[in-house]
Amino acid sequence: MAGPKKRLALFAAAFVVCGLVVSAAFSQGPGPVQPPKQSSEPQIKPGQGIKVDVSLTLVNVTVTDPLDRLVTGLDREHFRVFEDGIEQEVLTMSS
């Protein structure tokens, strides 16, 4: 009698798992959203710059000595960063 009960339990478990998979598949969003069509005239003309205000910018730096060996152990107080001639604060640094 343990055989049919075990088979019924496995069937019930498989049924629940299939139900969860189907439910998850149908609960997904409508799929990829198409981007709006661009007008035939570009908003930015060639050669024109883009200006964006940001609060944090990543700057990659590699420091080498005169023999092209990597210099390590530098801290943020060893660096000065300028934007348009104005010194910017170095908030964090990692290697």
Protein backbone atom coordinates (compact mmCIF):
# COMPACT_ATOMS: atom_id res chain seq x y z
CA MET A 1 0.00 0.00 0.00
CA ALA A 2 3.00 2.30 0.50
CA GLY A 3 3.70 2.20 -3.26
CA PRO A 4 0.44 3.84 -4.44
CA LYS A 5 0.56 6.46 -1.66
CA LYS A 6 4.15 7.31 -2.54
CA ARG A 7 3.24 7.54 -6.24
CA LEU A 8 0.26 9.78 -5.41
CA ALA A 9 2.47 12.04 -3.26
CA LEU A 10 5.05 12.33 -6.07
CA PHE A 11 2.28 13.09 -8.59
CA ALA A 12 0.86 15.78 -6.27
CA ALA A 13 4.30 17.31 -5.76
CA ALA A 14 4.97 17.33 -9.52
CA PHE A 15 1.56 18.91 -10.10
CA VAL A 16 2.30 21.68 -7.55
CA VAL A 17 5.73 22.36 -9.08
CA CYS A 18 4.23 22.55 -12.58
CA GLY A 19 1.57 24.93 -11.28
CA LEU A 20 4.21 27.17 -9.72
CA VAL A 21 6.25 27.23 -12.93
CA VAL A 22 3.21 28.10 -15.05
CA SER A 23 2.11 30.72 -12.53
CA ALA A 24 5.56 32.33 -12.53
CA ALA A 25 5.66 32.35 -16.32
CA PHE A 26 2.31 34.11 -16.62
CA SER A 27 3.05 36.59 -13.83
CA GLN A 28 5.96 38.08 -15.75
CA GLY A 29 5.67 41.50 -17.35
CA PRO A 30 4.40 42.06 -20.87
CA GLY A 31 7.84 41.44 -22.36
CA PRO A 32 10.34 43.82 -23.91
CA VAL A 33 9.10 47.34 -24.42
CA GLN A 34 9.90 48.88 -27.77
CA PRO A 35 11.71 52.21 -27.53
CA PRO A 36 9.81 55.18 -28.90
CA LYS A 37 10.52 55.88 -32.55
CA GLN A 38 13.07 58.60 -33.09
CA SER A 39 12.17 61.57 -35.17
CA SER A 40 14.05 61.87 -38.45
CA GLU A 41 15.89 64.96 -37.16
CA PRO A 42 18.56 64.23 -34.52
CA GLN A 43 18.26 66.11 -31.25
CA ILE A 44 22.03 66.56 -31.00
CA LYS A 45 23.86 67.79 -34.04
CA PRO A 46 27.31 66.40 -34.93
CA GLY A 47 30.09 68.21 -33.10
CA GLN A 48 27.72 69.46 -30.44
CA GLY A 49 28.62 68.46 -26.86
CA ILE A 50 26.46 66.92 -24.18
CA LYS A 51 26.32 68.52 -20.73
CA VAL A 52 25.24 66.41 -17.76
CA ASP A 53 25.43 67.27 -14.05
CA VAL A 54 26.80 64.40 -11.96
CA SER A 55 27.67 64.05 -8.29
CA LEU A 56 30.32 61.32 -8.65
CA THR A 57 32.71 60.42 -11.46
CA LEU A 58 35.05 57.46 -11.64
CA VAL A 59 38.60 58.29 -12.73
CA ASN A 60 40.95 55.40 -13.51
CA VAL A 61 44.60 56.15 -12.73
CA THR A 62 47.81 54.17 -13.22
CA VAL A 63 50.97 55.53 -11.60
CA THR A 64 54.39 54.32 -12.73
CA ASP A 65 57.93 55.30 -11.86
CA PRO A 66 60.55 56.33 -14.47
CA LEU A 67 61.30 52.62 -15.08
CA ASP A 68 57.62 51.92 -15.85
CA ARG A 69 57.12 49.98 -12.61
CA LEU A 70 53.75 50.30 -10.88
CA VAL A 71 53.70 52.61 -7.86
CA THR A 72 51.50 51.26 -5.06
CA GLY A 73 50.53 52.46 -1.60
CA LEU A 74 49.27 55.88 -2.66
CA ASP A 75 46.35 57.45 -0.77
CA ARG A 76 43.78 59.98 -1.94
CA GLU A 77 45.76 62.88 -0.47
CA HIS A 78 48.47 62.08 -3.05
CA PHE A 79 46.09 63.06 -5.88
CA ARG A 80 44.54 66.30 -7.11
CA VAL A 81 41.72 66.29 -9.66
CA PHE A 82 40.70 69.38 -11.63
CA GLU A 83 37.64 70.07 -13.75
CA ASP A 84 37.69 73.17 -15.92
CA GLY A 85 40.55 74.52 -13.81
CA ILE A 86 38.66 74.02 -10.53
CA GLU A 87 40.00 71.49 -8.03
CA GLN A 88 37.50 68.74 -7.18
CA GLU A 89 37.39 66.76 -3.95
CA VAL A 90 38.54 63.13 -4.14
CA LEU A 91 35.82 61.40 -2.10
CA THR A 92 37.04 57.82 -2.15
CA MET A 93 39.81 55.75 -3.61
CA SER A 94 40.38 52.02 -4.07
CA SER A 95 42.83 49.78 -5.83
